[in-house]
Amino acid sequence: MNLTDPDVWSQFFRENWVVIVIALVLLFAVINVVKTVVKWAIVIIILAALFIYSGVTMDQIGNAVNKVADGTVSTLKSEAQEVMLKEAKDAKYASGGDGTFTITTPNLEVKGAAGEDKVEVIFRGVSLGKWSITDTTKTFIDEARKNGNG
């Protein structure tokens, strides 16, 4: 079962709409009547039973989440590389004196050390981890150094 396919969900809802309605009624009843930690335990049990009944496994949910996360990170990395090229002329280079450097632009922050083959990239406040130095990152670093802003 492909969790990202809307047809799969549509088919599931058409086949199991009665069970879903009953589960929702139970959830609302539990949430409105029970006022303790037991309430949330019952809610979790009902939701888990609904997932088990639907045939969705935790592996499938995990795989769907991983696909979305990988796609998001990939998109952010591509966008960050484009921004590197566009904002290189405005980049400010700051040397740490010990071989480390920080390059900042309005949307990016790149931290690294001379002689290392990786730099840490932060895009709009979100860390994208350590990147190997590619042609794009090397051009960005060289342009920032040329700007003489550091």
Protein backbone atom coordinates (compact mmCIF):
# COMPACT_ATOMS: atom_id res chain seq x y z
CA MET A 1 0.00 0.00 0.00
CA ASN A 2 1.45 3.33 -1.09
CA LEU A 3 0.63 5.88 1.63
CA THR A 4 1.32 8.83 -0.63
CA ASP A 5 -1.23 7.77 -3.24
CA PRO A 6 -4.54 9.63 -2.78
CA ASP A 7 -6.42 6.80 -4.51
CA VAL A 8 -5.35 4.40 -1.78
CA TRP A 9 -6.72 6.72 0.92
CA SER A 10 -9.90 7.37 -1.05
CA GLN A 11 -10.50 3.63 -1.44
CA PHE A 12 -9.80 3.05 2.26
CA PHE A 13 -12.28 5.77 3.30
CA ARG A 14 -14.96 4.45 0.95
CA GLU A 15 -14.59 0.90 2.26
CA ASN A 16 -14.27 1.75 5.95
CA TRP A 17 -16.28 4.91 6.46
CA VAL A 18 -18.52 3.32 9.10
CA VAL A 19 -15.55 2.22 11.22
CA ILE A 20 -13.95 5.66 10.85
CA VAL A 21 -17.16 7.42 11.94
CA ILE A 22 -17.50 5.12 14.96
CA ALA A 23 -13.86 5.74 15.88
CA LEU A 24 -14.33 9.51 15.61
CA VAL A 25 -17.47 9.42 17.76
CA LEU A 26 -15.61 7.36 20.36
CA LEU A 27 -12.68 9.79 20.27
CA PHE A 28 -14.88 12.83 20.82
CA ALA A 29 -16.81 11.07 23.57
CA VAL A 30 -13.59 10.06 25.34
CA ILE A 31 -12.05 13.53 24.98
CA ASN A 32 -15.18 15.26 26.31
CA VAL A 33 -15.98 12.84 29.16
CA VAL A 34 -12.66 11.59 30.50
CA LYS A 35 -10.39 14.28 31.94
CA THR A 36 -7.24 12.36 32.91
CA VAL A 37 -4.21 10.67 31.42
CA VAL A 38 -6.46 7.68 30.83
CA LYS A 39 -8.20 9.79 28.18
CA TRP A 40 -5.07 10.04 26.08
CA ALA A 41 -4.29 6.36 26.54
CA ILE A 42 -7.76 5.50 25.21
CA VAL A 43 -7.33 7.92 22.31
CA ILE A 44 -4.01 6.32 21.38
CA ILE A 45 -5.54 2.84 21.62
CA ILE A 46 -8.43 3.85 19.34
CA LEU A 47 -6.09 5.41 16.78
CA ALA A 48 -3.76 2.40 16.90
CA ALA A 49 -6.71 0.05 16.42
CA LEU A 50 -7.86 2.09 13.43
CA PHE A 51 -4.40 1.87 11.85
CA ILE A 52 -4.14 -1.85 12.55
CA TYR A 53 -7.60 -2.40 11.12
CA SER A 54 -6.69 -0.44 7.99
CA GLY A 55 -3.66 -2.65 7.36
CA VAL A 56 -1.17 0.20 7.60
CA THR A 57 2.03 -0.95 9.26
CA MET A 58 4.49 1.16 11.21
CA ASP A 59 7.11 0.39 8.54
CA GLN A 60 4.85 1.92 5.89
CA ILE A 61 4.28 5.01 8.02
CA GLY A 62 8.02 5.26 8.68
CA ASN A 63 8.82 4.88 4.99
CA ALA A 64 6.31 7.59 4.06
CA VAL A 65 7.76 9.95 6.68
CA ASN A 66 11.31 9.22 5.49
CA LYS A 67 10.36 9.91 1.85
CA VAL A 68 8.83 13.25 2.80
CA ALA A 69 11.83 14.18 4.97
CA ASP A 70 14.34 13.18 2.27
CA GLY A 71 12.43 15.15 -0.34
CA THR A 72 12.30 18.21 1.90
CA VAL A 73 16.02 18.10 2.71
CA SER A 74 16.85 17.60 -0.97
CA THR A 75 14.71 20.60 -1.93
CA LEU A 76 16.30 22.74 0.79
CA LYS A 77 19.80 21.75 -0.36
CA SER A 78 19.00 22.65 -3.96
CA GLU A 79 17.51 25.97 -2.91
CA ALA A 80 20.51 26.70 -0.66
CA GLN A 81 22.91 26.06 -3.56
CA GLU A 82 20.96 28.46 -5.77
CA VAL A 83 21.02 31.07 -3.00
CA MET A 84 24.79 30.55 -2.62
CA LEU A 85 25.30 31.49 -6.25
CA LYS A 86 22.95 34.49 -6.07
CA GLU A 87 24.22 35.90 -2.76
CA ALA A 88 27.96 35.22 -3.22
CA LYS A 89 28.62 38.85 -4.16
CA ASP A 90 27.07 40.03 -0.86
CA ALA A 91 28.75 37.40 1.32
CA LYS A 92 30.71 38.54 4.36
CA TYR A 93 33.80 36.48 5.16
CA ALA A 94 35.06 36.37 8.74
CA SER A 95 38.23 34.53 9.68
CA GLY A 96 38.53 33.00 13.12
CA GLY A 97 42.32 33.41 13.16
CA ASP A 98 42.85 29.70 13.78
CA GLY A 99 42.03 28.63 10.23
CA THR A 100 38.29 28.61 10.78
CA PHE A 101 35.97 30.89 8.86
CA THR A 102 32.34 31.93 8.77
CA ILE A 103 30.60 33.30 5.70
CA THR A 104 27.25 35.00 6.12
CA THR A 105 24.64 36.29 3.70
CA PRO A 106 21.04 37.32 4.39
CA ASN A 107 19.89 33.68 4.01
CA LEU A 108 23.00 31.54 4.54
CA GLU A 109 25.72 30.87 7.04
CA VAL A 110 28.64 28.64 6.07
CA LYS A 111 31.23 27.57 8.64
CA GLY A 112 34.40 25.65 7.94
CA ALA A 113 38.13 25.37 8.46
CA ALA A 114 41.01 25.73 6.03
CA GLY A 115 42.12 22.39 4.67
CA GLU A 116 38.92 20.55 5.51
CA ASP A 117 36.77 19.04 2.79
CA LYS A 118 33.46 19.77 4.53
CA VAL A 119 31.60 22.89 5.64
CA GLU A 120 28.55 23.32 7.83
CA VAL A 121 25.65 24.99 6.02
CA ILE A 122 22.82 26.81 7.78
CA PHE A 123 20.03 27.97 5.48
CA ARG A 124 17.49 30.45 6.84
CA GLY A 125 18.26 29.34 10.38
CA VAL A 126 17.94 25.61 9.61
CA SER A 127 21.09 23.50 9.75
CA LEU A 128 21.50 21.39 6.62
CA GLY A 129 24.44 19.53 8.12
CA LYS A 130 27.97 19.16 6.82
CA TRP A 131 28.43 19.35 3.06
CA SER A 132 31.38 18.20 1.04
CA ILE A 133 32.97 21.11 -0.76
CA THR A 134 31.69 21.06 -4.33
CA ASP A 135 32.29 23.51 -7.17
CA THR A 136 29.32 25.57 -5.96
CA THR A 137 30.52 25.83 -2.36
CA LYS A 138 34.12 26.46 -3.47
CA THR A 139 32.98 29.29 -5.78
CA PHE A 140 30.91 30.72 -2.91
CA ILE A 141 33.87 30.62 -0.49
CA ASP A 142 36.28 32.12 -3.05
CA GLU A 143 33.83 34.92 -3.94
CA ALA A 144 33.33 35.74 -0.24
CA ARG A 145 37.12 35.94 0.26
CA LYS A 146 37.45 38.22 -2.78
CA ASN A 147 34.85 40.58 -1.38
CA GLY A 148 37.34 41.54 1.31
CA ASN A 149 34.64 41.61 3.94
CA GLY A 150 36.68 39.85 6.53
